Amino acid sequence: MKKLIALFAVTTLASTAAMAGVALSGSANVSYDDDGSGASATTYDADLVVTGTNGATTLTAGYDIDGTAMNTTSAVLATTIGPVTISAD
């Protein structure tokens, strides 16, 4: 029974170590102009960076969101395999 519990603990630890991580960061700006007696206007601008990691591999993607349009500003994939580091953007 003790061997079974120890095996389960090692299996749980190994599967936990393989989990990926995701981080979100960025900034946003919203402006409202009541324009006096004219029509009001609202403008939006947001920048978002998504970073995902798993082991020695990292993917970082940047986005620019203006109003209803979302554009990719950057995407970089980097990984290390033995002594070699590979990066693609």
PDB file of N, CA and C in Angstrom:
ATOM      1  N   MET A   1       0.822  -1.194   0.000  1.00  0.00           N
ATOM      2  CA  MET A   1       0.000   0.000   0.000  1.00  0.00           C
ATOM      3  C   MET A   1       0.861   1.250   0.000  1.00  0.00           C
ATOM      4  N   LYS A   2       1.978   1.258   0.758  1.00  0.00           N
ATOM      5  CA  LYS A   2       2.844   2.428   0.810  1.00  0.00           C
ATOM      6  C   LYS A   2       3.477   2.698  -0.552  1.00  0.00           C
ATOM      7  N   LYS A   3       3.814   1.646  -1.291  1.00  0.00           N
ATOM      8  CA  LYS A   3       4.401   1.823  -2.619  1.00  0.00           C
ATOM      9  C   LYS A   3       3.395   2.443  -3.579  1.00  0.00           C
ATOM     10  N   LEU A   4       2.139   2.061  -3.480  1.00  0.00           N
ATOM     11  CA  LEU A   4       1.096   2.609  -4.339  1.00  0.00           C
ATOM     12  C   LEU A   4       0.900   4.096  -4.058  1.00  0.00           C
ATOM     13  N   ILE A   5       0.893   4.503  -2.812  1.00  0.00           N
ATOM     14  CA  ILE A   5       0.748   5.915  -2.437  1.00  0.00           C
ATOM     15  C   ILE A   5       1.954   6.716  -2.944  1.00  0.00           C
ATOM     16  N   ALA A   6       3.153   6.185  -2.793  1.00  0.00           N
ATOM     17  CA  ALA A   6       4.356   6.872  -3.258  1.00  0.00           C
ATOM     18  C   ALA A   6       4.341   7.012  -4.780  1.00  0.00           C
ATOM     19  N   LEU A   7       3.909   5.984  -5.492  1.00  0.00           N
ATOM     20  CA  LEU A   7       3.824   6.041  -6.950  1.00  0.00           C
ATOM     21  C   LEU A   7       2.813   7.088  -7.390  1.00  0.00           C
ATOM     22  N   PHE A   8       1.664   7.163  -6.714  1.00  0.00           N
ATOM     23  CA  PHE A   8       0.649   8.153  -7.032  1.00  0.00           C
ATOM     24  C   PHE A   8       1.179   9.564  -6.805  1.00  0.00           C
ATOM     25  N   ALA A   9       1.926   9.788  -5.730  1.00  0.00           N
ATOM     26  CA  ALA A   9       2.487  11.106  -5.433  1.00  0.00           C
ATOM     27  C   ALA A   9       3.490  11.525  -6.501  1.00  0.00           C
ATOM     28  N   VAL A  10       4.332  10.621  -6.964  1.00  0.00           N
ATOM     29  CA  VAL A  10       5.303  10.933  -8.017  1.00  0.00           C
ATOM     30  C   VAL A  10       4.589  11.219  -9.329  1.00  0.00           C
ATOM     31  N   THR A  11       3.559  10.455  -9.664  1.00  0.00           N
ATOM     32  CA  THR A  11       2.794  10.682 -10.887  1.00  0.00           C
ATOM     33  C   THR A  11       2.106  12.038 -10.856  1.00  0.00           C
ATOM     34  N   THR A  12       1.528  12.402  -9.734  1.00  0.00           N
ATOM     35  CA  THR A  12       0.871  13.699  -9.596  1.00  0.00           C
ATOM     36  C   THR A  12       1.872  14.830  -9.746  1.00  0.00           C
ATOM     37  N   LEU A  13       3.034  14.707  -9.142  1.00  0.00           N
ATOM     38  CA  LEU A  13       4.070  15.727  -9.238  1.00  0.00           C
ATOM     39  C   LEU A  13       4.546  15.878 -10.673  1.00  0.00           C
ATOM     40  N   ALA A  14       4.746  14.787 -11.389  1.00  0.00           N
ATOM     41  CA  ALA A  14       5.211  14.834 -12.775  1.00  0.00           C
ATOM     42  C   ALA A  14       4.172  15.482 -13.682  1.00  0.00           C
ATOM     43  N   SER A  15       2.896  15.183 -13.494  1.00  0.00           N
ATOM     44  CA  SER A  15       1.874  15.778 -14.354  1.00  0.00           C
ATOM     45  C   SER A  15       1.669  17.253 -14.031  1.00  0.00           C
ATOM     46  N   THR A  16       1.866  17.664 -12.800  1.00  0.00           N
ATOM     47  CA  THR A  16       1.747  19.062 -12.428  1.00  0.00           C
ATOM     48  C   THR A  16       2.878  19.881 -13.032  1.00  0.00           C
ATOM     49  N   ALA A  17       4.054  19.336 -13.117  1.00  0.00           N
ATOM     50  CA  ALA A  17       5.202  20.063 -13.652  1.00  0.00           C
ATOM     51  C   ALA A  17       5.065  20.324 -15.148  1.00  0.00           C
ATOM     52  N   ALA A  18       4.219  19.594 -15.846  1.00  0.00           N
ATOM     53  CA  ALA A  18       4.078  19.752 -17.292  1.00  0.00           C
ATOM     54  C   ALA A  18       2.988  20.752 -17.674  1.00  0.00           C
ATOM     55  N   MET A  19       2.375  21.415 -16.717  1.00  0.00           N
ATOM     56  CA  MET A  19       1.299  22.351 -17.014  1.00  0.00           C
ATOM     57  C   MET A  19       1.854  23.632 -17.640  1.00  0.00           C
ATOM     58  N   ALA A  20       1.117  24.190 -18.582  1.00  0.00           N
ATOM     59  CA  ALA A  20       1.512  25.430 -19.258  1.00  0.00           C
ATOM     60  C   ALA A  20       1.063  26.634 -18.448  1.00  0.00           C
ATOM     61  N   GLY A  21       1.742  27.762 -18.677  1.00  0.00           N
ATOM     62  CA  GLY A  21       1.372  29.003 -18.023  1.00  0.00           C
ATOM     63  C   GLY A  21       0.971  30.041 -19.059  1.00  0.00           C
ATOM     64  N   VAL A  22      -0.034  30.837 -18.747  1.00  0.00           N
ATOM     65  CA  VAL A  22      -0.489  31.899 -19.637  1.00  0.00           C
ATOM     66  C   VAL A  22      -0.543  33.188 -18.844  1.00  0.00           C
ATOM     67  N   ALA A  23       0.037  34.262 -19.418  1.00  0.00           N
ATOM     68  CA  ALA A  23       0.019  35.567 -18.766  1.00  0.00           C
ATOM     69  C   ALA A  23      -0.567  36.593 -19.721  1.00  0.00           C
ATOM     70  N   LEU A  24      -1.422  37.457 -19.196  1.00  0.00           N
ATOM     71  CA  LEU A  24      -2.015  38.544 -19.973  1.00  0.00           C
ATOM     72  C   LEU A  24      -1.546  39.868 -19.398  1.00  0.00           C
ATOM     73  N   SER A  25      -1.177  40.800 -20.278  1.00  0.00           N
ATOM     74  CA  SER A  25      -0.821  42.147 -19.822  1.00  0.00           C
ATOM     75  C   SER A  25      -1.202  43.129 -20.915  1.00  0.00           C
ATOM     76  N   GLY A  26      -1.217  44.397 -20.592  1.00  0.00           N
ATOM     77  CA  GLY A  26      -1.551  45.394 -21.596  1.00  0.00           C
ATOM     78  C   GLY A  26      -2.005  46.695 -20.983  1.00  0.00           C
ATOM     79  N   SER A  27      -2.535  47.561 -21.825  1.00  0.00           N
ATOM     80  CA  SER A  27      -3.026  48.863 -21.384  1.00  0.00           C
ATOM     81  C   SER A  27      -4.227  49.248 -22.241  1.00  0.00           C
ATOM     82  N   ALA A  28      -5.032  50.172 -21.725  1.00  0.00           N
ATOM     83  CA  ALA A  28      -6.214  50.610 -22.472  1.00  0.00           C
ATOM     84  C   ALA A  28      -6.474  52.087 -22.199  1.00  0.00           C
ATOM     85  N   ASN A  29      -7.099  52.732 -23.182  1.00  0.00           N
ATOM     86  CA  ASN A  29      -7.449  54.136 -23.075  1.00  0.00           C
ATOM     87  C   ASN A  29      -8.820  54.334 -23.717  1.00  0.00           C
ATOM     88  N   VAL A  30      -9.739  54.958 -22.976  1.00  0.00           N
ATOM     89  CA  VAL A  30     -11.064  55.268 -23.492  1.00  0.00           C
ATOM     90  C   VAL A  30     -11.282  56.763 -23.309  1.00  0.00           C
ATOM     91  N   SER A  31     -11.672  57.443 -24.404  1.00  0.00           N
ATOM     92  CA  SER A  31     -11.932  58.882 -24.351  1.00  0.00           C
ATOM     93  C   SER A  31     -13.371  59.159 -24.761  1.00  0.00           C
ATOM     94  N   TYR A  32     -14.007  60.044 -23.999  1.00  0.00           N
ATOM     95  CA  TYR A  32     -15.379  60.438 -24.297  1.00  0.00           C
ATOM     96  C   TYR A  32     -15.413  61.953 -24.475  1.00  0.00           C
ATOM     97  N   ASP A  33     -16.014  62.398 -25.561  1.00  0.00           N
ATOM     98  CA  ASP A  33     -16.144  63.825 -25.842  1.00  0.00           C
ATOM     99  C   ASP A  33     -17.625  64.121 -26.036  1.00  0.00           C
ATOM    100  N   ASP A  34     -18.206  64.922 -25.133  1.00  0.00           N
ATOM    101  CA  ASP A  34     -19.637  65.224 -25.267  1.00  0.00           C
ATOM    102  C   ASP A  34     -19.888  66.264 -26.361  1.00  0.00           C
ATOM    103  N   ASP A  35     -18.856  66.942 -26.839  1.00  0.00           N
ATOM    104  CA  ASP A  35     -18.897  67.867 -27.982  1.00  0.00           C
ATOM    105  C   ASP A  35     -19.957  68.948 -27.839  1.00  0.00           C
ATOM    106  N   GLY A  36     -20.194  69.391 -26.630  1.00  0.00           N
ATOM    107  CA  GLY A  36     -21.146  70.489 -26.406  1.00  0.00           C
ATOM    108  C   GLY A  36     -22.525  70.162 -26.932  1.00  0.00           C
ATOM    109  N   SER A  37     -22.977  70.943 -27.922  1.00  0.00           N
ATOM    110  CA  SER A  37     -24.321  70.742 -28.474  1.00  0.00           C
ATOM    111  C   SER A  37     -24.329  69.734 -29.624  1.00  0.00           C
ATOM    112  N   GLY A  38     -23.157  69.306 -30.103  1.00  0.00           N
ATOM    113  CA  GLY A  38     -23.072  68.338 -31.207  1.00  0.00           C
ATOM    114  C   GLY A  38     -23.170  66.912 -30.698  1.00  0.00           C
ATOM    115  N   ALA A  39     -22.969  66.000 -31.607  1.00  0.00           N
ATOM    116  CA  ALA A  39     -23.011  64.572 -31.270  1.00  0.00           C
ATOM    117  C   ALA A  39     -21.781  64.189 -30.438  1.00  0.00           C
ATOM    118  N   SER A  40     -21.985  63.354 -29.459  1.00  0.00           N
ATOM    119  CA  SER A  40     -20.864  62.911 -28.627  1.00  0.00           C
ATOM    120  C   SER A  40     -20.043  61.852 -29.369  1.00  0.00           C
ATOM    121  N   ALA A  41     -18.790  61.662 -28.917  1.00  0.00           N
ATOM    122  CA  ALA A  41     -17.909  60.686 -29.556  1.00  0.00           C
ATOM    123  C   ALA A  41     -17.124  59.939 -28.487  1.00  0.00           C
ATOM    124  N   THR A  42     -16.938  58.653 -28.692  1.00  0.00           N
ATOM    125  CA  THR A  42     -16.134  57.828 -27.800  1.00  0.00           C
ATOM    126  C   THR A  42     -15.076  57.132 -28.639  1.00  0.00           C
ATOM    127  N   THR A  43     -13.816  57.171 -28.193  1.00  0.00           N
ATOM    128  CA  THR A  43     -12.735  56.479 -28.893  1.00  0.00           C
ATOM    129  C   THR A  43     -12.098  55.487 -27.934  1.00  0.00           C
ATOM    130  N   TYR A  44     -11.628  54.379 -28.490  1.00  0.00           N
ATOM    131  CA  TYR A  44     -11.048  53.300 -27.711  1.00  0.00           C
ATOM    132  C   TYR A  44      -9.679  52.933 -28.280  1.00  0.00           C
ATOM    133  N   ASP A  45      -8.748  52.578 -27.409  1.00  0.00           N
ATOM    134  CA  ASP A  45      -7.459  52.042 -27.841  1.00  0.00           C
ATOM    135  C   ASP A  45      -6.957  51.117 -26.736  1.00  0.00           C
ATOM    136  N   ALA A  46      -6.590  49.914 -27.122  1.00  0.00           N
ATOM    137  CA  ALA A  46      -6.075  48.952 -26.144  1.00  0.00           C
ATOM    138  C   ALA A  46      -4.931  48.165 -26.764  1.00  0.00           C
ATOM    139  N   ASP A  47      -3.946  47.853 -25.958  1.00  0.00           N
ATOM    140  CA  ASP A  47      -2.829  47.005 -26.362  1.00  0.00           C
ATOM    141  C   ASP A  47      -2.825  45.795 -25.438  1.00  0.00           C
ATOM    142  N   LEU A  48      -2.731  44.605 -26.013  1.00  0.00           N
ATOM    143  CA  LEU A  48      -2.796  43.361 -25.250  1.00  0.00           C
ATOM    144  C   LEU A  48      -1.607  42.487 -25.618  1.00  0.00           C
ATOM    145  N   VAL A  49      -0.959  41.920 -24.604  1.00  0.00           N
ATOM    146  CA  VAL A  49       0.144  40.976 -24.813  1.00  0.00           C
ATOM    147  C   VAL A  49      -0.220  39.670 -24.124  1.00  0.00           C
ATOM    148  N   VAL A  50      -0.182  38.577 -24.886  1.00  0.00           N
ATOM    149  CA  VAL A  50      -0.470  37.243 -24.359  1.00  0.00           C
ATOM    150  C   VAL A  50       0.824  36.439 -24.429  1.00  0.00           C
ATOM    151  N   THR A  51       1.241  35.896 -23.279  1.00  0.00           N
ATOM    152  CA  THR A  51       2.458  35.097 -23.216  1.00  0.00           C
ATOM    153  C   THR A  51       2.113  33.721 -22.671  1.00  0.00           C
ATOM    154  N   GLY A  52       2.467  32.697 -23.430  1.00  0.00           N
ATOM    155  CA  GLY A  52       2.236  31.315 -23.003  1.00  0.00           C
ATOM    156  C   GLY A  52       3.558  30.576 -22.919  1.00  0.00           C
ATOM    157  N   THR A  53       3.751  29.846 -21.841  1.00  0.00           N
ATOM    158  CA  THR A  53       4.988  29.084 -21.658  1.00  0.00           C
ATOM    159  C   THR A  53       4.658  27.645 -21.290  1.00  0.00           C
ATOM    160  N   ASN A  54       5.505  26.754 -21.772  1.00  0.00           N
ATOM    161  CA  ASN A  54       5.417  25.352 -21.402  1.00  0.00           C
ATOM    162  C   ASN A  54       6.819  24.772 -21.551  1.00  0.00           C
ATOM    163  N   GLY A  55       7.428  24.425 -20.441  1.00  0.00           N
ATOM    164  CA  GLY A  55       8.796  23.919 -20.479  1.00  0.00           C
ATOM    165  C   GLY A  55       9.741  24.987 -20.994  1.00  0.00           C
ATOM    166  N   ALA A  56      10.503  24.665 -22.031  1.00  0.00           N
ATOM    167  CA  ALA A  56      11.469  25.602 -22.599  1.00  0.00           C
ATOM    168  C   ALA A  56      10.901  26.370 -23.786  1.00  0.00           C
ATOM    169  N   THR A  57       9.580  26.313 -24.008  1.00  0.00           N
ATOM    170  CA  THR A  57       8.952  26.974 -25.148  1.00  0.00           C
ATOM    171  C   THR A  57       8.089  28.137 -24.675  1.00  0.00           C
ATOM    172  N   THR A  58       8.243  29.284 -25.355  1.00  0.00           N
ATOM    173  CA  THR A  58       7.467  30.480 -25.031  1.00  0.00           C
ATOM    174  C   THR A  58       6.885  31.078 -26.304  1.00  0.00           C
ATOM    175  N   LEU A  59       5.602  31.423 -26.264  1.00  0.00           N
ATOM    176  CA  LEU A  59       4.937  32.127 -27.350  1.00  0.00           C
ATOM    177  C   LEU A  59       4.449  33.455 -26.797  1.00  0.00           C
ATOM    178  N   THR A  60       4.840  34.547 -27.458  1.00  0.00           N
ATOM    179  CA  THR A  60       4.395  35.879 -27.065  1.00  0.00           C
ATOM    180  C   THR A  60       3.716  36.525 -28.264  1.00  0.00           C
ATOM    181  N   ALA A  61       2.473  36.971 -28.083  1.00  0.00           N
ATOM    182  CA  ALA A  61       1.714  37.605 -29.161  1.00  0.00           C
ATOM    183  C   ALA A  61       1.196  38.955 -28.681  1.00  0.00           C
ATOM    184  N   GLY A  62       1.367  39.983 -29.518  1.00  0.00           N
ATOM    185  CA  GLY A  62       0.899  41.327 -29.189  1.00  0.00           C
ATOM    186  C   GLY A  62      -0.246  41.728 -30.106  1.00  0.00           C
ATOM    187  N   TYR A  63      -1.218  42.427 -29.552  1.00  0.00           N
ATOM    188  CA  TYR A  63      -2.393  42.853 -30.311  1.00  0.00           C
ATOM    189  C   TYR A  63      -2.686  44.323 -30.033  1.00  0.00           C
ATOM    190  N   ASP A  64      -3.173  45.032 -31.055  1.00  0.00           N
ATOM    191  CA  ASP A  64      -3.607  46.416 -30.935  1.00  0.00           C
ATOM    192  C   ASP A  64      -5.091  46.443 -31.262  1.00  0.00           C
ATOM    193  N   ILE A  65      -5.884  46.941 -30.326  1.00  0.00           N
ATOM    194  CA  ILE A  65      -7.332  46.970 -30.500  1.00  0.00           C
ATOM    195  C   ILE A  65      -7.769  48.426 -30.535  1.00  0.00           C
ATOM    196  N   ASP A  66      -8.247  48.874 -31.695  1.00  0.00           N
ATOM    197  CA  ASP A  66      -8.741  50.237 -31.881  1.00  0.00           C
ATOM    198  C   ASP A  66     -10.209  50.167 -32.246  1.00  0.00           C
ATOM    199  N   GLY A  67     -11.076  50.610 -31.337  1.00  0.00           N
ATOM    200  CA  GLY A  67     -12.510  50.531 -31.605  1.00  0.00           C
ATOM    201  C   GLY A  67     -12.942  49.097 -31.755  1.00  0.00           C
ATOM    202  N   THR A  68     -13.379  48.718 -32.942  1.00  0.00           N
ATOM    203  CA  THR A  68     -13.841  47.347 -33.176  1.00  0.00           C
ATOM    204  C   THR A  68     -12.828  46.521 -33.964  1.00  0.00           C
ATOM    205  N   ALA A  69     -11.672  47.108 -34.310  1.00  0.00           N
ATOM    206  CA  ALA A  69     -10.653  46.397 -35.100  1.00  0.00           C
ATOM    207  C   ALA A  69      -9.549  45.863 -34.186  1.00  0.00           C
ATOM    208  N   MET A  70      -9.164  44.601 -34.407  1.00  0.00           N
ATOM    209  CA  MET A  70      -8.066  43.989 -33.651  1.00  0.00           C
ATOM    210  C   MET A  70      -6.989  43.557 -34.631  1.00  0.00           C
ATOM    211  N   ASN A  71      -5.771  44.060 -34.429  1.00  0.00           N
ATOM    212  CA  ASN A  71      -4.657  43.744 -35.322  1.00  0.00           C
ATOM    213  C   ASN A  71      -3.525  43.112 -34.533  1.00  0.00           C
ATOM    214  N   THR A  72      -2.888  42.115 -35.126  1.00  0.00           N
ATOM    215  CA  THR A  72      -1.718  41.481 -34.508  1.00  0.00           C
ATOM    216  C   THR A  72      -0.506  42.366 -34.772  1.00  0.00           C
ATOM    217  N   THR A  73       0.192  42.764 -33.708  1.00  0.00           N
ATOM    218  CA  THR A  73       1.378  43.605 -33.865  1.00  0.00           C
ATOM    219  C   THR A  73       2.668  42.803 -33.788  1.00  0.00           C
ATOM    220  N   SER A  74       2.637  41.665 -33.109  1.00  0.00           N
ATOM    221  CA  SER A  74       3.831  40.824 -33.027  1.00  0.00           C
ATOM    222  C   SER A  74       3.449  39.415 -32.621  1.00  0.00           C
ATOM    223  N   ALA A  75       4.292  38.474 -33.014  1.00  0.00           N
ATOM    224  CA  ALA A  75       4.138  37.077 -32.594  1.00  0.00           C
ATOM    225  C   ALA A  75       5.523  36.445 -32.626  1.00  0.00           C
ATOM    226  N   VAL A  76       5.984  35.958 -31.481  1.00  0.00           N
ATOM    227  CA  VAL A  76       7.324  35.380 -31.375  1.00  0.00           C
ATOM    228  C   VAL A  76       7.214  34.027 -30.674  1.00  0.00           C
ATOM    229  N   LEU A  77       7.791  33.001 -31.296  1.00  0.00           N
ATOM    230  CA  LEU A  77       7.856  31.669 -30.715  1.00  0.00           C
ATOM    231  C   LEU A  77       9.321  31.345 -30.484  1.00  0.00           C
ATOM    232  N   ALA A  78       9.673  31.022 -29.253  1.00  0.00           N
ATOM    233  CA  ALA A  78      11.059  30.677 -28.919  1.00  0.00           C
ATOM    234  C   ALA A  78      11.077  29.373 -28.138  1.00  0.00           C
ATOM    235  N   THR A  79      12.060  28.526 -28.443  1.00  0.00           N
ATOM    236  CA  THR A  79      12.198  27.259 -27.738  1.00  0.00           C
ATOM    237  C   THR A  79      13.663  26.872 -27.663  1.00  0.00           C
ATOM    238  N   THR A  80      13.976  26.021 -26.722  1.00  0.00           N
ATOM    239  CA  THR A  80      15.329  25.506 -26.560  1.00  0.00           C
ATOM    240  C   THR A  80      15.273  23.989 -26.646  1.00  0.00           C
ATOM    241  N   ILE A  81      16.101  23.448 -27.540  1.00  0.00           N
ATOM    242  CA  ILE A  81      16.204  21.999 -27.697  1.00  0.00           C
ATOM    243  C   ILE A  81      17.663  21.642 -27.475  1.00  0.00           C
ATOM    244  N   GLY A  82      17.957  21.080 -26.311  1.00  0.00           N
ATOM    245  CA  GLY A  82      19.350  20.783 -25.962  1.00  0.00           C
ATOM    246  C   GLY A  82      20.153  22.073 -25.919  1.00  0.00           C
ATOM    247  N   PRO A  83      21.269  22.144 -26.634  1.00  0.00           N
ATOM    248  CA  PRO A  83      22.100  23.351 -26.615  1.00  0.00           C
ATOM    249  C   PRO A  83      21.651  24.401 -27.646  1.00  0.00           C
ATOM    250  N   VAL A  84      20.605  24.112 -28.417  1.00  0.00           N
ATOM    251  CA  VAL A  84      20.169  25.004 -29.498  1.00  0.00           C
ATOM    252  C   VAL A  84      18.929  25.788 -29.080  1.00  0.00           C
ATOM    253  N   THR A  85      18.975  27.117 -29.277  1.00  0.00           N
ATOM    254  CA  THR A  85      17.818  27.974 -29.030  1.00  0.00           C
ATOM    255  C   THR A  85      17.279  28.437 -30.371  1.00  0.00           C
ATOM    256  N   ILE A  86      15.981  28.276 -30.578  1.00  0.00           N
ATOM    257  CA  ILE A  86      15.331  28.641 -31.835  1.00  0.00           C
ATOM    258  C   ILE A  86      14.304  29.712 -31.531  1.00  0.00           C
ATOM    259  N   SER A  87      14.283  30.772 -32.363  1.00  0.00           N
ATOM    260  CA  SER A  87      13.312  31.833 -32.216  1.00  0.00           C
ATOM    261  C   SER A  87      12.757  32.191 -33.595  1.00  0.00           C
ATOM    262  N   ALA A  88      11.435  32.294 -33.692  1.00  0.00           N
ATOM    263  CA  ALA A  88      10.779  32.648 -34.952  1.00  0.00           C
ATOM    264  C   ALA A  88       9.760  33.748 -34.695  1.00  0.00           C
ATOM    265  N   ASP A  89       9.795  34.759 -35.550  1.00  0.00           N
ATOM    266  CA  ASP A  89       8.793  35.825 -35.428  1.00  0.00           C
ATOM    267  C   ASP A  89       8.230  36.205 -36.765  1.00  0.00           C
TER     268      ASP A  89
END
